[in-house]
Amino acid sequence: MDFDSMAKIGPGHRLGTGAVMVFDHTCCLVGITLNLIQFFARESCG
């Protein structure tokens, strides 16, 4: 997938930011969510 290929599909289709993560019951989802928010705010290119 790249931006040129997505443009051929039509307007409104674009690549975004995503992540797949798996957690067990011992993880603090609030802490993980805050960490992700801070990461994507800091690392975003735009």
PDB file of N, CA and C in Angstrom:
ATOM      1  N   MET A   1       0.833  -1.175   0.000  1.00  0.00           N
ATOM      2  CA  MET A   1       0.000   0.000   0.000  1.00  0.00           C
ATOM      3  C   MET A   1       0.879   1.240   0.000  1.00  0.00           C
ATOM      4  N   ASP A   2       0.505   2.174  -0.838  1.00  0.00           N
ATOM      5  CA  ASP A   2       1.157   3.476  -0.830  1.00  0.00           C
ATOM      6  C   ASP A   2       0.114   4.536  -1.179  1.00  0.00           C
ATOM      7  N   PHE A   3       0.498   5.788  -1.087  1.00  0.00           N
ATOM      8  CA  PHE A   3      -0.455   6.872  -1.297  1.00  0.00           C
ATOM      9  C   PHE A   3      -0.961   6.913  -2.738  1.00  0.00           C
ATOM     10  N   ASP A   4      -0.101   6.613  -3.718  1.00  0.00           N
ATOM     11  CA  ASP A   4      -0.531   6.630  -5.116  1.00  0.00           C
ATOM     12  C   ASP A   4      -1.571   5.550  -5.392  1.00  0.00           C
ATOM     13  N   SER A   5      -1.363   4.361  -4.850  1.00  0.00           N
ATOM     14  CA  SER A   5      -2.337   3.277  -5.034  1.00  0.00           C
ATOM     15  C   SER A   5      -3.668   3.614  -4.380  1.00  0.00           C
ATOM     16  N   MET A   6      -3.620   4.217  -3.213  1.00  0.00           N
ATOM     17  CA  MET A   6      -4.856   4.595  -2.528  1.00  0.00           C
ATOM     18  C   MET A   6      -5.595   5.685  -3.295  1.00  0.00           C
ATOM     19  N   ALA A   7      -4.872   6.593  -3.946  1.00  0.00           N
ATOM     20  CA  ALA A   7      -5.501   7.667  -4.718  1.00  0.00           C
ATOM     21  C   ALA A   7      -6.270   7.104  -5.904  1.00  0.00           C
ATOM     22  N   LYS A   8      -5.818   5.993  -6.473  1.00  0.00           N
ATOM     23  CA  LYS A   8      -6.502   5.374  -7.607  1.00  0.00           C
ATOM     24  C   LYS A   8      -7.847   4.783  -7.207  1.00  0.00           C
ATOM     25  N   ILE A   9      -8.003   4.413  -5.952  1.00  0.00           N
ATOM     26  CA  ILE A   9      -9.257   3.833  -5.470  1.00  0.00           C
ATOM     27  C   ILE A   9     -10.361   4.869  -5.492  1.00  0.00           C
ATOM     28  N   GLY A  10     -10.039   6.090  -5.146  1.00  0.00           N
ATOM     29  CA  GLY A  10     -11.029   7.160  -5.160  1.00  0.00           C
ATOM     30  C   GLY A  10     -10.831   8.117  -4.015  1.00  0.00           C
ATOM     31  N   PRO A  11     -11.551   9.232  -4.072  1.00  0.00           N
ATOM     32  CA  PRO A  11     -11.417  10.240  -3.019  1.00  0.00           C
ATOM     33  C   PRO A  11     -11.900   9.717  -1.668  1.00  0.00           C
ATOM     34  N   GLY A  12     -11.281  10.209  -0.629  1.00  0.00           N
ATOM     35  CA  GLY A  12     -11.685   9.815   0.715  1.00  0.00           C
ATOM     36  C   GLY A  12     -10.968   8.593   1.251  1.00  0.00           C
ATOM     37  N   HIS A  13     -10.173   7.941   0.426  1.00  0.00           N
ATOM     38  CA  HIS A  13      -9.408   6.772   0.871  1.00  0.00           C
ATOM     39  C   HIS A  13      -7.960   7.186   1.040  1.00  0.00           C
ATOM     40  N   ARG A  14      -7.467   7.070   2.233  1.00  0.00           N
ATOM     41  CA  ARG A  14      -6.082   7.429   2.480  1.00  0.00           C
ATOM     42  C   ARG A  14      -5.522   6.607   3.627  1.00  0.00           C
ATOM     43  N   LEU A  15      -4.213   6.555   3.655  1.00  0.00           N
ATOM     44  CA  LEU A  15      -3.540   5.830   4.726  1.00  0.00           C
ATOM     45  C   LEU A  15      -3.502   6.697   5.973  1.00  0.00           C
ATOM     46  N   GLY A  16      -3.593   6.085   7.100  1.00  0.00           N
ATOM     47  CA  GLY A  16      -3.548   6.814   8.360  1.00  0.00           C
ATOM     48  C   GLY A  16      -2.581   6.145   9.313  1.00  0.00           C
ATOM     49  N   THR A  17      -2.735   6.448  10.562  1.00  0.00           N
ATOM     50  CA  THR A  17      -1.892   5.872  11.594  1.00  0.00           C
ATOM     51  C   THR A  17      -2.616   4.687  12.216  1.00  0.00           C
ATOM     52  N   GLY A  18      -1.900   3.630  12.466  1.00  0.00           N
ATOM     53  CA  GLY A  18      -2.539   2.481  13.083  1.00  0.00           C
ATOM     54  C   GLY A  18      -1.540   1.627  13.844  1.00  0.00           C
ATOM     55  N   ALA A  19      -2.061   0.808  14.696  1.00  0.00           N
ATOM     56  CA  ALA A  19      -1.232  -0.107  15.470  1.00  0.00           C
ATOM     57  C   ALA A  19      -2.090  -1.291  15.890  1.00  0.00           C
ATOM     58  N   VAL A  20      -1.478  -2.449  15.956  1.00  0.00           N
ATOM     59  CA  VAL A  20      -2.150  -3.639  16.472  1.00  0.00           C
ATOM     60  C   VAL A  20      -1.366  -4.089  17.695  1.00  0.00           C
ATOM     61  N   MET A  21      -2.061  -4.164  18.813  1.00  0.00           N
ATOM     62  CA  MET A  21      -1.414  -4.560  20.060  1.00  0.00           C
ATOM     63  C   MET A  21      -2.324  -5.544  20.785  1.00  0.00           C
ATOM     64  N   VAL A  22      -1.721  -6.494  21.477  1.00  0.00           N
ATOM     65  CA  VAL A  22      -2.480  -7.500  22.221  1.00  0.00           C
ATOM     66  C   VAL A  22      -2.050  -7.424  23.681  1.00  0.00           C
ATOM     67  N   PHE A  23      -3.035  -7.409  24.584  1.00  0.00           N
ATOM     68  CA  PHE A  23      -2.759  -7.294  26.013  1.00  0.00           C
ATOM     69  C   PHE A  23      -3.515  -8.373  26.771  1.00  0.00           C
ATOM     70  N   ASP A  24      -2.987  -8.745  27.902  1.00  0.00           N
ATOM     71  CA  ASP A  24      -3.723  -9.662  28.766  1.00  0.00           C
ATOM     72  C   ASP A  24      -4.420  -8.863  29.869  1.00  0.00           C
ATOM     73  N   HIS A  25      -5.046  -9.557  30.771  1.00  0.00           N
ATOM     74  CA  HIS A  25      -5.858  -8.917  31.812  1.00  0.00           C
ATOM     75  C   HIS A  25      -5.032  -8.159  32.859  1.00  0.00           C
ATOM     76  N   THR A  26      -3.718  -8.319  32.847  1.00  0.00           N
ATOM     77  CA  THR A  26      -2.892  -7.635  33.848  1.00  0.00           C
ATOM     78  C   THR A  26      -2.466  -6.229  33.428  1.00  0.00           C
ATOM     79  N   CYS A  27      -2.749  -5.849  32.206  1.00  0.00           N
ATOM     80  CA  CYS A  27      -2.322  -4.538  31.700  1.00  0.00           C
ATOM     81  C   CYS A  27      -3.309  -3.442  32.093  1.00  0.00           C
ATOM     82  N   CYS A  28      -2.779  -2.257  32.326  1.00  0.00           N
ATOM     83  CA  CYS A  28      -3.604  -1.086  32.630  1.00  0.00           C
ATOM     84  C   CYS A  28      -3.950  -0.397  31.310  1.00  0.00           C
ATOM     85  N   LEU A  29      -5.185  -0.563  30.848  1.00  0.00           N
ATOM     86  CA  LEU A  29      -5.581  -0.001  29.562  1.00  0.00           C
ATOM     87  C   LEU A  29      -5.579   1.521  29.566  1.00  0.00           C
ATOM     88  N   VAL A  30      -5.853   2.137  30.700  1.00  0.00           N
ATOM     89  CA  VAL A  30      -5.805   3.602  30.787  1.00  0.00           C
ATOM     90  C   VAL A  30      -4.371   4.080  30.561  1.00  0.00           C
ATOM     91  N   GLY A  31      -3.419   3.454  31.218  1.00  0.00           N
ATOM     92  CA  GLY A  31      -2.015   3.817  31.049  1.00  0.00           C
ATOM     93  C   GLY A  31      -1.529   3.591  29.626  1.00  0.00           C
ATOM     94  N   ILE A  32      -1.932   2.477  29.042  1.00  0.00           N
ATOM     95  CA  ILE A  32      -1.547   2.174  27.662  1.00  0.00           C
ATOM     96  C   ILE A  32      -2.133   3.209  26.711  1.00  0.00           C
ATOM     97  N   THR A  33      -3.393   3.565  26.917  1.00  0.00           N
ATOM     98  CA  THR A  33      -4.046   4.563  26.068  1.00  0.00           C
ATOM     99  C   THR A  33      -3.353   5.914  26.178  1.00  0.00           C
ATOM    100  N   LEU A  34      -3.031   6.339  27.379  1.00  0.00           N
ATOM    101  CA  LEU A  34      -2.321   7.608  27.560  1.00  0.00           C
ATOM    102  C   LEU A  34      -0.958   7.575  26.877  1.00  0.00           C
ATOM    103  N   ASN A  35      -0.263   6.470  26.991  1.00  0.00           N
ATOM    104  CA  ASN A  35       1.033   6.321  26.337  1.00  0.00           C
ATOM    105  C   ASN A  35       0.891   6.422  24.819  1.00  0.00           C
ATOM    106  N   LEU A  36      -0.116   5.773  24.250  1.00  0.00           N
ATOM    107  CA  LEU A  36      -0.337   5.837  22.804  1.00  0.00           C
ATOM    108  C   LEU A  36      -0.682   7.248  22.348  1.00  0.00           C
ATOM    109  N   ILE A  37      -1.527   7.933  23.107  1.00  0.00           N
ATOM    110  CA  ILE A  37      -1.895   9.310  22.765  1.00  0.00           C
ATOM    111  C   ILE A  37      -0.650  10.191  22.749  1.00  0.00           C
ATOM    112  N   GLN A  38       0.175  10.060  23.761  1.00  0.00           N
ATOM    113  CA  GLN A  38       1.400  10.862  23.831  1.00  0.00           C
ATOM    114  C   GLN A  38       2.355  10.514  22.690  1.00  0.00           C
ATOM    115  N   PHE A  39       2.474   9.240  22.387  1.00  0.00           N
ATOM    116  CA  PHE A  39       3.361   8.812  21.302  1.00  0.00           C
ATOM    117  C   PHE A  39       2.913   9.388  19.970  1.00  0.00           C
ATOM    118  N   PHE A  40       1.632   9.196  19.616  1.00  0.00           N
ATOM    119  CA  PHE A  40       1.160   9.656  18.310  1.00  0.00           C
ATOM    120  C   PHE A  40       1.120  11.180  18.221  1.00  0.00           C
ATOM    121  N   ALA A  41       0.915  11.878  19.319  1.00  0.00           N
ATOM    122  CA  ALA A  41       0.966  13.343  19.309  1.00  0.00           C
ATOM    123  C   ALA A  41       2.393  13.820  19.040  1.00  0.00           C
ATOM    124  N   ARG A  42       3.354  13.130  19.600  1.00  0.00           N
ATOM    125  CA  ARG A  42       4.759  13.511  19.460  1.00  0.00           C
ATOM    126  C   ARG A  42       5.332  13.086  18.110  1.00  0.00           C
ATOM    127  N   GLU A  43       4.932  11.928  17.604  1.00  0.00           N
ATOM    128  CA  GLU A  43       5.536  11.360  16.401  1.00  0.00           C
ATOM    129  C   GLU A  43       4.760  11.648  15.124  1.00  0.00           C
ATOM    130  N   SER A  44       3.628  12.304  15.226  1.00  0.00           N
ATOM    131  CA  SER A  44       2.813  12.598  14.052  1.00  0.00           C
ATOM    132  C   SER A  44       3.541  13.551  13.113  1.00  0.00           C
ATOM    133  N   CYS A  45       3.394  13.324  11.833  1.00  0.00           N
ATOM    134  CA  CYS A  45       4.033  14.191  10.821  1.00  0.00           C
ATOM    135  C   CYS A  45       2.996  15.127  10.217  1.00  0.00           C
ATOM    136  N   GLY A  46       2.399  15.949  11.004  1.00  0.00           N
ATOM    137  CA  GLY A  46       1.422  16.854  10.418  1.00  0.00           C
ATOM    138  C   GLY A  46       0.549  17.482  11.364  1.00  0.00           C
TER     139      GLY A  46
END
